N, C-alpha and C. Protein backbone atom coordinates (compact mmCIF):
# COMPACT_ATOMS: atom_id res chain seq x y z
N MET A 1 -0.72 -9.35 -2.45
CA MET A 1 0.63 -8.63 -2.33
C MET A 1 1.55 -8.99 -1.87
N GLN A 2 1.48 -10.12 -2.85
CA GLN A 2 2.41 -11.55 -2.17
C GLN A 2 3.52 -11.51 -2.48
N SER A 3 3.47 -11.06 -4.02
CA SER A 3 4.70 -11.93 -4.57
C SER A 3 5.05 -10.50 -4.97
N ALA A 4 6.31 -10.46 -5.07
CA ALA A 4 8.04 -9.12 -5.44
C ALA A 4 6.83 -8.89 -6.27
N HIS A 5 6.40 -8.86 -7.68
CA HIS A 5 5.65 -8.04 -8.68
C HIS A 5 4.57 -7.19 -7.99
N CYS A 6 4.04 -7.80 -6.95
CA CYS A 6 2.96 -7.08 -6.97
C CYS A 6 3.46 -5.82 -4.90
N GLN A 7 4.32 -6.44 -4.89
CA GLN A 7 5.38 -5.29 -3.49
C GLN A 7 5.45 -4.96 -4.41
N ALA A 8 6.41 -5.26 -5.22
CA ALA A 8 7.05 -3.36 -6.33
C ALA A 8 6.11 -2.47 -6.97
N ARG A 9 4.61 -3.19 -7.31
CA ARG A 9 3.23 -2.10 -8.16
C ARG A 9 3.14 -1.51 -6.85
N VAL A 10 3.11 -2.06 -6.13
CA VAL A 10 2.35 -0.88 -4.42
C VAL A 10 3.79 0.00 -4.53
N SER A 11 4.85 -0.53 -4.22
CA SER A 11 5.70 0.60 -3.96
C SER A 11 5.49 1.56 -4.71
N ALA A 12 6.00 1.56 -5.87
CA ALA A 12 5.50 2.73 -7.27
C ALA A 12 4.64 3.71 -6.89
N VAL A 13 3.73 3.16 -6.97
CA VAL A 13 1.96 3.74 -6.59
C VAL A 13 2.51 4.90 -4.80
N ILE A 14 2.50 3.92 -4.24
CA ILE A 14 2.90 5.46 -2.65
C ILE A 14 4.79 5.65 -2.68
N GLN A 15 4.89 5.75 -3.86
CA GLN A 15 6.52 6.67 -4.33
C GLN A 15 5.89 7.55 -4.16
N GLY A 16 4.38 8.06 -5.47
CA GLY A 16 4.52 8.93 -6.06
C GLY A 16 4.17 10.84 -4.95
N ILE A 17 4.12 9.76 -3.06
CA ILE A 17 2.94 10.76 -2.71
C ILE A 17 3.99 11.67 -1.02
N GLU A 18 3.81 12.27 -1.15
CA GLU A 18 4.19 12.89 -0.64
C GLU A 18 3.73 13.19 0.42
N GLY A 19 4.62 12.81 1.68
CA GLY A 19 4.23 12.94 2.96
C GLY A 19 4.34 11.59 3.87
N VAL A 20 3.92 10.70 3.09
CA VAL A 20 4.02 9.33 3.43
C VAL A 20 5.45 8.57 3.63
N LYS A 21 5.80 8.26 4.57
CA LYS A 21 7.31 7.31 4.53
C LYS A 21 6.97 5.58 5.26
N VAL A 22 7.82 5.22 4.28
CA VAL A 22 7.83 3.69 4.19
C VAL A 22 8.04 3.02 5.68
N GLU A 23 7.67 2.53 5.98
CA GLU A 23 9.22 1.99 7.15
C GLU A 23 9.14 0.71 6.72
N LYS A 24 8.45 -0.84 6.18
CA LYS A 24 8.20 -2.09 5.92
C LYS A 24 7.17 -2.10 5.07
N LEU A 25 8.00 -2.95 4.16
CA LEU A 25 7.17 -3.64 2.60
C LEU A 25 7.64 -4.82 2.50
N GLU A 26 6.34 -5.79 2.86
CA GLU A 26 7.02 -7.01 3.13
C GLU A 26 5.45 -7.56 2.61
N ALA A 27 5.97 -9.22 2.46
CA ALA A 27 4.92 -9.67 1.84
C ALA A 27 3.48 -10.08 2.02
N GLY A 28 2.44 -8.90 2.06
CA GLY A 28 1.02 -8.74 2.54
C GLY A 28 0.83 -7.47 3.49
N LYS A 29 2.53 -7.11 3.93
CA LYS A 29 2.03 -6.26 4.42
C LYS A 29 2.64 -4.54 4.17
N LEU A 30 2.21 -3.81 4.15
CA LEU A 30 3.07 -2.43 4.26
C LEU A 30 3.31 -1.43 5.23
N SER A 31 3.77 -1.21 6.28
CA SER A 31 3.77 -0.41 7.32
C SER A 31 4.68 1.20 6.89
N PHE A 32 3.30 2.08 7.25
CA PHE A 32 4.07 3.32 6.53
C PHE A 32 3.16 4.13 8.42
N SER A 33 3.73 5.33 7.99
CA SER A 33 3.92 6.76 8.87
C SER A 33 3.13 7.57 7.75
N PHE A 34 2.59 8.74 8.06
CA PHE A 34 2.22 10.17 7.38
C PHE A 34 1.53 11.28 7.96
N GLU A 35 1.76 12.32 7.45
CA GLU A 35 1.82 13.36 7.61
C GLU A 35 0.33 13.80 8.75
N SER A 36 -0.75 13.11 7.67
CA SER A 36 -2.31 14.25 8.14
C SER A 36 -3.11 13.57 7.77
N GLU A 37 -4.46 13.22 6.67
CA GLU A 37 -5.08 12.63 7.16
C GLU A 37 -5.28 11.97 5.90
N GLN A 38 -5.45 13.92 5.40
CA GLN A 38 -5.44 13.80 3.15
C GLN A 38 -4.70 12.80 2.66
N VAL A 39 -2.76 12.65 3.74
CA VAL A 39 -2.71 12.07 2.86
C VAL A 39 -2.61 9.69 2.82
N LYS A 40 -3.22 10.15 4.04
CA LYS A 40 -3.34 8.81 3.97
C LYS A 40 -4.40 8.27 3.29
N THR A 41 -5.99 8.99 2.92
CA THR A 41 -6.99 9.03 2.49
C THR A 41 -6.55 8.52 0.92
N ALA A 42 -5.00 9.15 0.29
CA ALA A 42 -4.52 9.92 -0.92
C ALA A 42 -3.72 8.57 -0.92
N LEU A 43 -2.99 7.73 -0.32
CA LEU A 43 -2.56 6.29 0.01
C LEU A 43 -3.50 5.12 -0.10
N GLN A 44 -4.16 5.20 0.61
CA GLN A 44 -5.32 4.40 0.49
C GLN A 44 -5.90 4.24 -0.72
N ASP A 45 -6.63 5.04 -1.35
CA ASP A 45 -6.74 5.72 -2.57
C ASP A 45 -5.53 4.93 -3.74
N ALA A 46 -5.31 5.27 -3.62
CA ALA A 46 -3.82 4.89 -5.20
C ALA A 46 -3.29 3.93 -4.02
N ILE A 47 -3.53 2.87 -3.46
CA ILE A 47 -3.26 1.17 -3.37
C ILE A 47 -4.48 0.22 -3.10
N GLU A 48 -5.97 1.24 -3.76
CA GLU A 48 -7.36 0.34 -3.56
C GLU A 48 -7.41 0.74 -5.19
N LYS A 49 -7.06 1.93 -5.89
CA LYS A 49 -6.98 2.00 -7.42
C LYS A 49 -6.45 0.93 -7.96
N ALA A 50 -5.18 0.74 -7.52
CA ALA A 50 -4.31 -0.41 -7.73
C ALA A 50 -4.49 -1.91 -8.70
N GLY A 51 -5.26 -1.93 -6.99
CA GLY A 51 -5.93 -2.93 -7.41
C GLY A 51 -5.96 -4.08 -6.21
N TYR A 52 -5.45 -3.44 -4.71
CA TYR A 52 -5.48 -3.94 -3.45
C TYR A 52 -6.72 -3.35 -2.35
N ARG A 53 -6.81 -4.59 -1.86
CA ARG A 53 -7.36 -4.11 -0.49
C ARG A 53 -7.02 -3.65 0.49
N VAL A 54 -6.98 -2.70 1.15
CA VAL A 54 -6.21 -1.95 2.69
C VAL A 54 -6.98 -2.04 3.26
N GLY A 55 -6.81 -2.68 4.71
CA GLY A 55 -7.63 -3.06 6.22
C GLY A 55 -6.17 -2.79 6.62
N GLY A 56 -6.35 -3.31 8.52
CA GLY A 56 -6.12 -2.34 9.32
C GLY A 56 -5.75 -1.16 9.72
N ASP A 57 -5.23 -0.70 11.01
CA ASP A 57 -5.49 0.93 11.49
C ASP A 57 -4.01 0.86 11.59
N SER A 58 -2.68 0.95 12.56
CA SER A 58 -1.30 1.83 12.28
C SER A 58 -0.51 0.86 11.38
N GLU A 59 -1.02 -0.38 11.10
CA GLU A 59 -0.27 -1.65 10.05
C GLU A 59 -1.40 -1.84 8.98
N LYS A 60 -1.48 -1.13 7.46
CA LYS A 60 -1.98 -1.80 5.92
C LYS A 60 -2.00 -2.84 6.10
N ALA A 61 -2.97 -4.27 5.88
CA ALA A 61 -2.46 -5.20 5.07
C ALA A 61 -3.18 -5.76 4.30
N SER A 62 -2.16 -5.15 3.02
CA SER A 62 -3.44 -5.44 1.76
C SER A 62 -3.22 -6.86 1.10
N SER A 63 -4.19 -7.00 0.04
CA SER A 63 -4.48 -7.77 0.00
C SER A 63 -5.12 -7.74 -1.64
N CYS A 64 -4.38 -8.60 -2.51
CA CYS A 64 -4.05 -8.92 -3.89
C CYS A 64 -5.49 -8.57 -4.66
N SER A 65 -6.43 -7.85 -5.18
CA SER A 65 -7.91 -8.06 -5.76
C SER A 65 -7.54 -8.24 -7.34
N THR A 66 -5.38 -9.06 -8.06
CA THR A 66 -5.87 -8.66 -9.54
C THR A 66 -5.13 -9.91 -10.05
N GLY A 67 -5.30 -10.34 -8.69
CA GLY A 67 -5.47 -12.12 -8.81
C GLY A 67 -3.34 -12.97 -9.42
N CYS A 68 -2.85 -12.28 -9.24
CA CYS A 68 -1.78 -12.50 -9.50
C CYS A 68 -1.03 -13.44 -7.90
N CYS A 69 -1.31 -13.24 -6.93
CA CYS A 69 -1.00 -13.29 -5.77
C CYS A 69 -1.32 -15.15 -5.56
N SER A 70 -2.22 -15.28 -5.93
CA SER A 70 -3.49 -16.34 -5.61
C SER A 70 -3.11 -17.45 -5.83
């Protein structure tokens, strides 16, 4: 998620999930808060379906598996 393209993809994916508040989206990092564990799970699933790996706990660091950020 280093490129502007990847950041836009992730942003578009997460905007469709109710109960997520994006706090910061920058190269390689997404910081957010969520209303429930179900929302957290839905968010992680959506990001992974978009082709990114989710890691960390309170601050989610995602890496691109689509190959565009290499």
